[in-house]
């Protein structure tokens, strides 16, 4: 689990994306949608707040989808594995459901 709060996790992910650390050494299971969204946002040359929001949304969607898949769609187990509150995980799931 992440040792800090959700905002710290978001900032850490944004920093990793900006430095390009997430684009190296990935395989097909690393959430290609989030990586592709990162490159699309860079190509658009958006203002930082907009770019950060779009990248974070893509990361959250991939993260939630991957955890739900790993735990057979069980939200309680996926939330526990994520280290965030069940209610917040449900909010993320609803926000990014396709």
PDB file of N, CA and C in Angstrom:
ATOM      1  N   UNK A   1       0.823  -1.199   0.000  1.00  0.00           N
ATOM      2  CA  UNK A   1       0.000   0.000   0.000  1.00  0.00           C
ATOM      3  C   UNK A   1       0.869   1.266   0.000  1.00  0.00           C
ATOM      4  N   UNK A   2       0.312   2.352  -0.497  1.00  0.00           N
ATOM      5  CA  UNK A   2       0.985   3.641  -0.515  1.00  0.00           C
ATOM      6  C   UNK A   2       1.053   4.168   0.916  1.00  0.00           C
ATOM      7  N   UNK A   3       2.229   4.630   1.368  1.00  0.00           N
ATOM      8  CA  UNK A   3       2.374   5.057   2.758  1.00  0.00           C
ATOM      9  C   UNK A   3       1.755   6.414   3.069  1.00  0.00           C
ATOM     10  N   UNK A   4       1.439   7.210   2.060  1.00  0.00           N
ATOM     11  CA  UNK A   4       0.890   8.540   2.294  1.00  0.00           C
ATOM     12  C   UNK A   4      -0.585   8.608   1.973  1.00  0.00           C
ATOM     13  N   UNK A   5      -1.059   9.836   1.811  1.00  0.00           N
ATOM     14  CA  UNK A   5      -2.470  10.017   1.474  1.00  0.00           C
ATOM     15  C   UNK A   5      -2.662  10.046  -0.040  1.00  0.00           C
ATOM     16  N   UNK A   6      -3.906  10.138  -0.466  1.00  0.00           N
ATOM     17  CA  UNK A   6      -4.231  10.064  -1.890  1.00  0.00           C
ATOM     18  C   UNK A   6      -3.601  11.224  -2.657  1.00  0.00           C
ATOM     19  N   UNK A   7      -3.621  12.420  -2.097  1.00  0.00           N
ATOM     20  CA  UNK A   7      -3.030  13.584  -2.777  1.00  0.00           C
ATOM     21  C   UNK A   7      -1.533  13.366  -2.999  1.00  0.00           C
ATOM     22  N   UNK A   8      -0.836  12.804  -2.005  1.00  0.00           N
ATOM     23  CA  UNK A   8       0.595  12.519  -2.170  1.00  0.00           C
ATOM     24  C   UNK A   8       0.818  11.488  -3.272  1.00  0.00           C
ATOM     25  N   UNK A   9      -0.048  10.485  -3.345  1.00  0.00           N
ATOM     26  CA  UNK A   9       0.050   9.490  -4.411  1.00  0.00           C
ATOM     27  C   UNK A   9      -0.169  10.145  -5.773  1.00  0.00           C
ATOM     28  N   UNK A  10      -1.163  10.998  -5.865  1.00  0.00           N
ATOM     29  CA  UNK A  10      -1.428  11.693  -7.125  1.00  0.00           C
ATOM     30  C   UNK A  10      -0.222  12.526  -7.554  1.00  0.00           C
ATOM     31  N   UNK A  11       0.368  13.237  -6.601  1.00  0.00           N
ATOM     32  CA  UNK A  11       1.531  14.063  -6.923  1.00  0.00           C
ATOM     33  C   UNK A  11       2.723  13.212  -7.328  1.00  0.00           C
ATOM     34  N   UNK A  12       2.908  12.074  -6.681  1.00  0.00           N
ATOM     35  CA  UNK A  12       4.014  11.182  -7.031  1.00  0.00           C
ATOM     36  C   UNK A  12       3.828  10.616  -8.434  1.00  0.00           C
ATOM     37  N   UNK A  13       2.607  10.234  -8.762  1.00  0.00           N
ATOM     38  CA  UNK A  13       2.327   9.700 -10.101  1.00  0.00           C
ATOM     39  C   UNK A  13       2.549  10.784 -11.150  1.00  0.00           C
ATOM     40  N   UNK A  14       2.067  11.984 -10.877  1.00  0.00           N
ATOM     41  CA  UNK A  14       2.263  13.085 -11.831  1.00  0.00           C
ATOM     42  C   UNK A  14       3.747  13.360 -12.041  1.00  0.00           C
ATOM     43  N   UNK A  15       4.528  13.325 -10.961  1.00  0.00           N
ATOM     44  CA  UNK A  15       5.969  13.554 -11.081  1.00  0.00           C
ATOM     45  C   UNK A  15       6.630  12.461 -11.910  1.00  0.00           C
ATOM     46  N   UNK A  16       6.218  11.214 -11.699  1.00  0.00           N
ATOM     47  CA  UNK A  16       6.777  10.105 -12.479  1.00  0.00           C
ATOM     48  C   UNK A  16       6.416  10.242 -13.955  1.00  0.00           C
ATOM     49  N   UNK A  17       5.197  10.675 -14.219  1.00  0.00           N
ATOM     50  CA  UNK A  17       4.779  10.845 -15.608  1.00  0.00           C
ATOM     51  C   UNK A  17       5.559  11.960 -16.288  1.00  0.00           C
ATOM     52  N   UNK A  18       5.767  13.054 -15.574  1.00  0.00           N
ATOM     53  CA  UNK A  18       6.486  14.188 -16.147  1.00  0.00           C
ATOM     54  C   UNK A  18       7.930  13.825 -16.461  1.00  0.00           C
ATOM     55  N   UNK A  19       8.558  13.036 -15.603  1.00  0.00           N
ATOM     56  CA  UNK A  19       9.952  12.661 -15.839  1.00  0.00           C
ATOM     57  C   UNK A  19      10.083  11.547 -16.857  1.00  0.00           C
ATOM     58  N   UNK A  20       8.960  10.933 -17.229  1.00  0.00           N
ATOM     59  CA  UNK A  20       8.997   9.858 -18.218  1.00  0.00           C
ATOM     60  C   UNK A  20       9.326   8.505 -17.626  1.00  0.00           C
ATOM     61  N   UNK A  21       9.386   8.395 -16.317  1.00  0.00           N
ATOM     62  CA  UNK A  21       9.772   7.136 -15.680  1.00  0.00           C
ATOM     63  C   UNK A  21       8.785   6.016 -15.975  1.00  0.00           C
ATOM     64  N   UNK A  22       7.519   6.342 -16.152  1.00  0.00           N
ATOM     65  CA  UNK A  22       6.531   5.296 -16.396  1.00  0.00           C
ATOM     66  C   UNK A  22       6.584   4.760 -17.817  1.00  0.00           C
ATOM     67  N   UNK A  23       7.232   5.483 -18.717  1.00  0.00           N
ATOM     68  CA  UNK A  23       7.257   5.022 -20.099  1.00  0.00           C
ATOM     69  C   UNK A  23       8.397   4.064 -20.377  1.00  0.00           C
ATOM     70  N   UNK A  24       9.285   3.854 -19.420  1.00  0.00           N
ATOM     71  CA  UNK A  24      10.405   2.946 -19.659  1.00  0.00           C
ATOM     72  C   UNK A  24      10.163   1.615 -18.972  1.00  0.00           C
ATOM     73  N   UNK A  25      10.538   0.553 -19.635  1.00  0.00           N
ATOM     74  CA  UNK A  25      10.463  -0.771 -19.028  1.00  0.00           C
ATOM     75  C   UNK A  25       9.061  -1.297 -18.829  1.00  0.00           C
ATOM     76  N   UNK A  26       8.117  -0.858 -19.604  1.00  0.00           N
ATOM     77  CA  UNK A  26       6.751  -1.344 -19.400  1.00  0.00           C
ATOM     78  C   UNK A  26       6.491  -2.550 -20.286  1.00  0.00           C
ATOM     79  N   UNK A  27       5.505  -3.338 -19.893  1.00  0.00           N
ATOM     80  CA  UNK A  27       5.052  -4.415 -20.761  1.00  0.00           C
ATOM     81  C   UNK A  27       3.570  -4.218 -21.021  1.00  0.00           C
ATOM     82  N   UNK A  28       2.961  -5.137 -21.713  1.00  0.00           N
ATOM     83  CA  UNK A  28       1.569  -4.969 -22.134  1.00  0.00           C
ATOM     84  C   UNK A  28       0.594  -4.881 -20.970  1.00  0.00           C
ATOM     85  N   UNK A  29       0.973  -5.340 -19.783  1.00  0.00           N
ATOM     86  CA  UNK A  29       0.058  -5.317 -18.645  1.00  0.00           C
ATOM     87  C   UNK A  29       0.204  -4.072 -17.790  1.00  0.00           C
ATOM     88  N   UNK A  30       1.028  -3.121 -18.180  1.00  0.00           N
ATOM     89  CA  UNK A  30       1.295  -1.946 -17.365  1.00  0.00           C
ATOM     90  C   UNK A  30       0.288  -0.820 -17.539  1.00  0.00           C
ATOM     91  N   UNK A  31      -0.844  -1.076 -18.118  1.00  0.00           N
ATOM     92  CA  UNK A  31      -1.837  -0.037 -18.299  1.00  0.00           C
ATOM     93  C   UNK A  31      -1.543   0.839 -19.492  1.00  0.00           C
ATOM     94  N   UNK A  32      -1.529   0.265 -20.679  1.00  0.00           N
ATOM     95  CA  UNK A  32      -1.171   1.042 -21.866  1.00  0.00           C
ATOM     96  C   UNK A  32      -2.087   2.228 -22.117  1.00  0.00           C
ATOM     97  N   UNK A  33      -3.330   2.166 -21.644  1.00  0.00           N
ATOM     98  CA  UNK A  33      -4.239   3.289 -21.847  1.00  0.00           C
ATOM     99  C   UNK A  33      -3.696   4.534 -21.159  1.00  0.00           C
ATOM    100  N   UNK A  34      -3.181   4.380 -19.946  1.00  0.00           N
ATOM    101  CA  UNK A  34      -2.632   5.520 -19.211  1.00  0.00           C
ATOM    102  C   UNK A  34      -1.381   6.049 -19.884  1.00  0.00           C
ATOM    103  N   UNK A  35      -0.527   5.155 -20.369  1.00  0.00           N
ATOM    104  CA  UNK A  35       0.697   5.578 -21.044  1.00  0.00           C
ATOM    105  C   UNK A  35       0.350   6.294 -22.343  1.00  0.00           C
ATOM    106  N   UNK A  36      -0.589   5.756 -23.112  1.00  0.00           N
ATOM    107  CA  UNK A  36      -1.007   6.397 -24.358  1.00  0.00           C
ATOM    108  C   UNK A  36      -1.612   7.772 -24.083  1.00  0.00           C
ATOM    109  N   UNK A  37      -2.422   7.879 -23.038  1.00  0.00           N
ATOM    110  CA  UNK A  37      -3.025   9.164 -22.680  1.00  0.00           C
ATOM    111  C   UNK A  37      -1.944  10.174 -22.322  1.00  0.00           C
ATOM    112  N   UNK A  38      -0.908   9.724 -21.643  1.00  0.00           N
ATOM    113  CA  UNK A  38       0.210  10.596 -21.284  1.00  0.00           C
ATOM    114  C   UNK A  38       0.834  11.200 -22.534  1.00  0.00           C
ATOM    115  N   UNK A  39       1.131  10.357 -23.506  1.00  0.00           N
ATOM    116  CA  UNK A  39       1.758  10.839 -24.734  1.00  0.00           C
ATOM    117  C   UNK A  39       0.814  11.745 -25.536  1.00  0.00           C
ATOM    118  N   UNK A  40      -0.475  11.440 -25.531  1.00  0.00           N
ATOM    119  CA  UNK A  40      -1.448  12.290 -26.221  1.00  0.00           C
ATOM    120  C   UNK A  40      -1.521  13.670 -25.579  1.00  0.00           C
ATOM    121  N   UNK A  41      -1.512  13.707 -24.248  1.00  0.00           N
ATOM    122  CA  UNK A  41      -1.567  14.982 -23.537  1.00  0.00           C
ATOM    123  C   UNK A  41      -0.316  15.802 -23.827  1.00  0.00           C
ATOM    124  N   UNK A  42       0.840  15.162 -23.831  1.00  0.00           N
ATOM    125  CA  UNK A  42       2.072  15.886 -24.156  1.00  0.00           C
ATOM    126  C   UNK A  42       2.003  16.486 -25.554  1.00  0.00           C
ATOM    127  N   UNK A  43       1.477  15.735 -26.496  1.00  0.00           N
ATOM    128  CA  UNK A  43       1.396  16.207 -27.877  1.00  0.00           C
ATOM    129  C   UNK A  43       0.465  17.417 -28.009  1.00  0.00           C
ATOM    130  N   UNK A  44      -0.522  17.520 -27.129  1.00  0.00           N
ATOM    131  CA  UNK A  44      -1.477  18.630 -27.193  1.00  0.00           C
ATOM    132  C   UNK A  44      -0.931  19.920 -26.593  1.00  0.00           C
ATOM    133  N   UNK A  45       0.148  19.825 -25.830  1.00  0.00           N
ATOM    134  CA  UNK A  45       0.772  20.989 -25.192  1.00  0.00           C
ATOM    135  C   UNK A  45      -0.248  21.810 -24.399  1.00  0.00           C
ATOM    136  N   UNK A  46      -0.999  21.130 -23.560  1.00  0.00           N
ATOM    137  CA  UNK A  46      -2.008  21.773 -22.720  1.00  0.00           C
ATOM    138  C   UNK A  46      -1.353  22.502 -21.557  1.00  0.00           C
ATOM    139  N   UNK A  47      -2.071  23.448 -20.942  1.00  0.00           N
ATOM    140  CA  UNK A  47      -1.579  24.051 -19.705  1.00  0.00           C
ATOM    141  C   UNK A  47      -1.438  22.962 -18.633  1.00  0.00           C
ATOM    142  N   UNK A  48      -0.500  23.133 -17.730  1.00  0.00           N
ATOM    143  CA  UNK A  48      -0.202  22.115 -16.720  1.00  0.00           C
ATOM    144  C   UNK A  48      -1.435  21.618 -15.968  1.00  0.00           C
ATOM    145  N   UNK A  49      -2.302  22.489 -15.441  1.00  0.00           N
ATOM    146  CA  UNK A  49      -3.452  21.953 -14.694  1.00  0.00           C
ATOM    147  C   UNK A  49      -4.330  21.012 -15.526  1.00  0.00           C
ATOM    148  N   UNK A  50      -4.583  21.383 -16.779  1.00  0.00           N
ATOM    149  CA  UNK A  50      -5.397  20.526 -17.652  1.00  0.00           C
ATOM    150  C   UNK A  50      -4.683  19.221 -17.964  1.00  0.00           C
ATOM    151  N   UNK A  51      -3.407  19.313 -18.286  1.00  0.00           N
ATOM    152  CA  UNK A  51      -2.627  18.121 -18.626  1.00  0.00           C
ATOM    153  C   UNK A  51      -2.572  17.166 -17.444  1.00  0.00           C
ATOM    154  N   UNK A  52      -2.313  17.706 -16.267  1.00  0.00           N
ATOM    155  CA  UNK A  52      -2.217  16.880 -15.058  1.00  0.00           C
ATOM    156  C   UNK A  52      -3.543  16.173 -14.782  1.00  0.00           C
ATOM    157  N   UNK A  53      -4.651  16.881 -14.936  1.00  0.00           N
ATOM    158  CA  UNK A  53      -5.964  16.293 -14.671  1.00  0.00           C
ATOM    159  C   UNK A  53      -6.248  15.155 -15.637  1.00  0.00           C
ATOM    160  N   UNK A  54      -5.934  15.342 -16.901  1.00  0.00           N
ATOM    161  CA  UNK A  54      -6.199  14.291 -17.897  1.00  0.00           C
ATOM    162  C   UNK A  54      -5.329  13.064 -17.668  1.00  0.00           C
ATOM    163  N   UNK A  55      -4.071  13.288 -17.341  1.00  0.00           N
ATOM    164  CA  UNK A  55      -3.162  12.163 -17.090  1.00  0.00           C
ATOM    165  C   UNK A  55      -3.592  11.408 -15.840  1.00  0.00           C
ATOM    166  N   UNK A  56      -3.941  12.140 -14.797  1.00  0.00           N
ATOM    167  CA  UNK A  56      -4.382  11.503 -13.559  1.00  0.00           C
ATOM    168  C   UNK A  56      -5.660  10.697 -13.783  1.00  0.00           C
ATOM    169  N   UNK A  57      -6.589  11.232 -14.559  1.00  0.00           N
ATOM    170  CA  UNK A  57      -7.835  10.510 -14.845  1.00  0.00           C
ATOM    171  C   UNK A  57      -7.550   9.203 -15.581  1.00  0.00           C
ATOM    172  N   UNK A  58      -6.633   9.247 -16.541  1.00  0.00           N
ATOM    173  CA  UNK A  58      -6.282   8.024 -17.281  1.00  0.00           C
ATOM    174  C   UNK A  58      -5.617   7.008 -16.362  1.00  0.00           C
ATOM    175  N   UNK A  59      -4.741   7.483 -15.476  1.00  0.00           N
ATOM    176  CA  UNK A  59      -4.089   6.584 -14.524  1.00  0.00           C
ATOM    177  C   UNK A  59      -5.117   5.946 -13.598  1.00  0.00           C
ATOM    178  N   UNK A  60      -6.002   6.758 -13.029  1.00  0.00           N
ATOM    179  CA  UNK A  60      -7.014   6.230 -12.120  1.00  0.00           C
ATOM    180  C   UNK A  60      -7.875   5.169 -12.798  1.00  0.00           C
ATOM    181  N   UNK A  61      -8.302   5.442 -14.017  1.00  0.00           N
ATOM    182  CA  UNK A  61      -9.151   4.490 -14.739  1.00  0.00           C
ATOM    183  C   UNK A  61      -8.426   3.165 -14.951  1.00  0.00           C
ATOM    184  N   UNK A  62      -7.169   3.223 -15.373  1.00  0.00           N
ATOM    185  CA  UNK A  62      -6.388   1.995 -15.588  1.00  0.00           C
ATOM    186  C   UNK A  62      -6.148   1.263 -14.277  1.00  0.00           C
ATOM    187  N   UNK A  63      -5.851   2.022 -13.231  1.00  0.00           N
ATOM    188  CA  UNK A  63      -5.567   1.438 -11.921  1.00  0.00           C
ATOM    189  C   UNK A  63      -6.786   0.690 -11.383  1.00  0.00           C
ATOM    190  N   UNK A  64      -7.932   1.344 -11.421  1.00  0.00           N
ATOM    191  CA  UNK A  64      -9.169   0.734 -10.916  1.00  0.00           C
ATOM    192  C   UNK A  64      -9.518  -0.504 -11.737  1.00  0.00           C
ATOM    193  N   UNK A  65      -9.442  -0.378 -13.046  1.00  0.00           N
ATOM    194  CA  UNK A  65      -9.762  -1.510 -13.925  1.00  0.00           C
ATOM    195  C   UNK A  65      -8.847  -2.705 -13.649  1.00  0.00           C
ATOM    196  N   UNK A  66      -7.575  -2.438 -13.481  1.00  0.00           N
ATOM    197  CA  UNK A  66      -6.608  -3.518 -13.248  1.00  0.00           C
ATOM    198  C   UNK A  66      -6.852  -4.211 -11.904  1.00  0.00           C
ATOM    199  N   UNK A  67      -7.099  -3.416 -10.855  1.00  0.00           N
ATOM    200  CA  UNK A  67      -7.353  -4.024  -9.548  1.00  0.00           C
ATOM    201  C   UNK A  67      -8.650  -4.821  -9.537  1.00  0.00           C
ATOM    202  N   UNK A  68      -9.689  -4.280 -10.161  1.00  0.00           N
ATOM    203  CA  UNK A  68     -10.949  -5.020 -10.220  1.00  0.00           C
ATOM    204  C   UNK A  68     -10.777  -6.329 -10.980  1.00  0.00           C
ATOM    205  N   UNK A  69     -10.041  -6.292 -12.050  1.00  0.00           N
ATOM    206  CA  UNK A  69      -9.777  -7.507 -12.826  1.00  0.00           C
ATOM    207  C   UNK A  69      -9.013  -8.525 -11.988  1.00  0.00           C
ATOM    208  N   UNK A  70      -8.011  -8.053 -11.281  1.00  0.00           N
ATOM    209  CA  UNK A  70      -7.186  -8.939 -10.447  1.00  0.00           C
ATOM    210  C   UNK A  70      -8.011  -9.590  -9.338  1.00  0.00           C
ATOM    211  N   UNK A  71      -9.023  -8.877  -8.838  1.00  0.00           N
ATOM    212  CA  UNK A  71      -9.819  -9.379  -7.714  1.00  0.00           C
ATOM    213  C   UNK A  71     -11.217  -9.824  -8.144  1.00  0.00           C
ATOM    214  N   UNK A  72     -11.335 -10.222  -9.400  1.00  0.00           N
ATOM    215  CA  UNK A  72     -12.587 -10.791  -9.891  1.00  0.00           C
ATOM    216  C   UNK A  72     -13.782  -9.870  -9.795  1.00  0.00           C
ATOM    217  N   UNK A  73     -13.553  -8.567  -9.875  1.00  0.00           N
ATOM    218  CA  UNK A  73     -14.643  -7.607  -9.802  1.00  0.00           C
ATOM    219  C   UNK A  73     -15.095  -7.275  -8.392  1.00  0.00           C
ATOM    220  N   UNK A  74     -14.458  -7.860  -7.385  1.00  0.00           N
ATOM    221  CA  UNK A  74     -14.838  -7.618  -5.998  1.00  0.00           C
ATOM    222  C   UNK A  74     -14.276  -6.277  -5.533  1.00  0.00           C
ATOM    223  N   UNK A  75     -15.160  -5.310  -5.328  1.00  0.00           N
ATOM    224  CA  UNK A  75     -14.746  -3.958  -4.967  1.00  0.00           C
ATOM    225  C   UNK A  75     -14.086  -3.927  -3.589  1.00  0.00           C
ATOM    226  N   UNK A  76     -14.600  -4.672  -2.643  1.00  0.00           N
ATOM    227  CA  UNK A  76     -14.021  -4.675  -1.295  1.00  0.00           C
ATOM    228  C   UNK A  76     -12.579  -5.154  -1.306  1.00  0.00           C
ATOM    229  N   UNK A  77     -12.310  -6.254  -2.010  1.00  0.00           N
ATOM    230  CA  UNK A  77     -10.933  -6.769  -2.077  1.00  0.00           C
ATOM    231  C   UNK A  77     -10.029  -5.827  -2.860  1.00  0.00           C
ATOM    232  N   UNK A  78     -10.543  -5.258  -3.945  1.00  0.00           N
ATOM    233  CA  UNK A  78      -9.749  -4.318  -4.741  1.00  0.00           C
ATOM    234  C   UNK A  78      -9.411  -3.074  -3.920  1.00  0.00           C
ATOM    235  N   UNK A  79     -10.373  -2.567  -3.175  1.00  0.00           N
ATOM    236  CA  UNK A  79     -10.131  -1.392  -2.333  1.00  0.00           C
ATOM    237  C   UNK A  79      -9.104  -1.704  -1.254  1.00  0.00           C
ATOM    238  N   UNK A  80      -9.236  -2.860  -0.632  1.00  0.00           N
ATOM    239  CA  UNK A  80      -8.273  -3.252   0.402  1.00  0.00           C
ATOM    240  C   UNK A  80      -6.868  -3.368  -0.183  1.00  0.00           C
ATOM    241  N   UNK A  81      -6.756  -3.939  -1.357  1.00  0.00           N
ATOM    242  CA  UNK A  81      -5.446  -4.091  -2.004  1.00  0.00           C
ATOM    243  C   UNK A  81      -4.855  -2.740  -2.391  1.00  0.00           C
ATOM    244  N   UNK A  82      -5.716  -1.774  -2.686  1.00  0.00           N
ATOM    245  CA  UNK A  82      -5.236  -0.452  -3.103  1.00  0.00           C
ATOM    246  C   UNK A  82      -4.750   0.383  -1.927  1.00  0.00           C
ATOM    247  N   UNK A  83      -5.214   0.043  -0.733  1.00  0.00           N
ATOM    248  CA  UNK A  83      -4.823   0.810   0.443  1.00  0.00           C
ATOM    249  C   UNK A  83      -5.636   2.086   0.623  1.00  0.00           C
ATOM    250  N   UNK A  84      -6.729   2.214  -0.129  1.00  0.00           N
ATOM    251  CA  UNK A  84      -7.594   3.381   0.043  1.00  0.00           C
ATOM    252  C   UNK A  84      -8.946   2.919   0.567  1.00  0.00           C
ATOM    253  N   UNK A  85      -9.713   3.861   1.063  1.00  0.00           N
ATOM    254  CA  UNK A  85     -11.014   3.538   1.642  1.00  0.00           C
ATOM    255  C   UNK A  85     -11.948   2.945   0.586  1.00  0.00           C
ATOM    256  N   UNK A  86     -12.764   2.004   1.025  1.00  0.00           N
ATOM    257  CA  UNK A  86     -13.733   1.346   0.151  1.00  0.00           C
ATOM    258  C   UNK A  86     -14.608   2.380  -0.555  1.00  0.00           C
ATOM    259  N   UNK A  87     -15.091   3.344   0.194  1.00  0.00           N
ATOM    260  CA  UNK A  87     -15.980   4.372  -0.370  1.00  0.00           C
ATOM    261  C   UNK A  87     -15.272   5.177  -1.467  1.00  0.00           C
ATOM    262  N   UNK A  88     -13.992   5.528  -1.244  1.00  0.00           N
ATOM    263  CA  UNK A  88     -13.248   6.286  -2.255  1.00  0.00           C
ATOM    264  C   UNK A  88     -12.990   5.422  -3.488  1.00  0.00           C
ATOM    265  N   UNK A  89     -12.712   4.139  -3.272  1.00  0.00           N
ATOM    266  CA  UNK A  89     -12.508   3.244  -4.411  1.00  0.00           C
ATOM    267  C   UNK A  89     -13.786   3.156  -5.242  1.00  0.00           C
ATOM    268  N   UNK A  90     -14.928   3.068  -4.578  1.00  0.00           N
ATOM    269  CA  UNK A  90     -16.214   3.041  -5.293  1.00  0.00           C
ATOM    270  C   UNK A  90     -16.413   4.325  -6.097  1.00  0.00           C
ATOM    271  N   UNK A  91     -16.020   5.458  -5.521  1.00  0.00           N
ATOM    272  CA  UNK A  91     -16.122   6.732  -6.225  1.00  0.00           C
ATOM    273  C   UNK A  91     -15.257   6.726  -7.485  1.00  0.00           C
ATOM    274  N   UNK A  92     -14.012   6.236  -7.362  1.00  0.00           N
ATOM    275  CA  UNK A  92     -13.125   6.147  -8.525  1.00  0.00           C
ATOM    276  C   UNK A  92     -13.715   5.228  -9.587  1.00  0.00           C
ATOM    277  N   UNK A  93     -14.267   4.106  -9.140  1.00  0.00           N
ATOM    278  CA  UNK A  93     -14.868   3.150 -10.074  1.00  0.00           C
ATOM    279  C   UNK A  93     -16.020   3.802 -10.834  1.00  0.00           C
ATOM    280  N   UNK A  94     -16.897   4.486 -10.123  1.00  0.00           N
ATOM    281  CA  UNK A  94     -18.038   5.148 -10.762  1.00  0.00           C
ATOM    282  C   UNK A  94     -17.573   6.258 -11.705  1.00  0.00           C
ATOM    283  N   UNK A  95     -16.553   6.979 -11.310  1.00  0.00           N
ATOM    284  CA  UNK A  95     -16.047   8.092 -12.115  1.00  0.00           C
ATOM    285  C   UNK A  95     -15.473   7.619 -13.447  1.00  0.00           C
ATOM    286  N   UNK A  96     -14.867   6.437 -13.452  1.00  0.00           N
ATOM    287  CA  UNK A  96     -14.134   5.986 -14.632  1.00  0.00           C
ATOM    288  C   UNK A  96     -14.752   4.784 -15.330  1.00  0.00           C
ATOM    289  N   UNK A  97     -15.950   4.376 -14.904  1.00  0.00           N
ATOM    290  CA  UNK A  97     -16.588   3.224 -15.522  1.00  0.00           C
ATOM    291  C   UNK A  97     -16.935   3.526 -16.971  1.00  0.00           C
ATOM    292  N   UNK A  98     -16.639   2.551 -17.842  1.00  0.00           N
ATOM    293  CA  UNK A  98     -16.899   2.719 -19.281  1.00  0.00           C
ATOM    294  C   UNK A  98     -18.300   2.279 -19.620  1.00  0.00           C
TER     295      UNK A  98
END
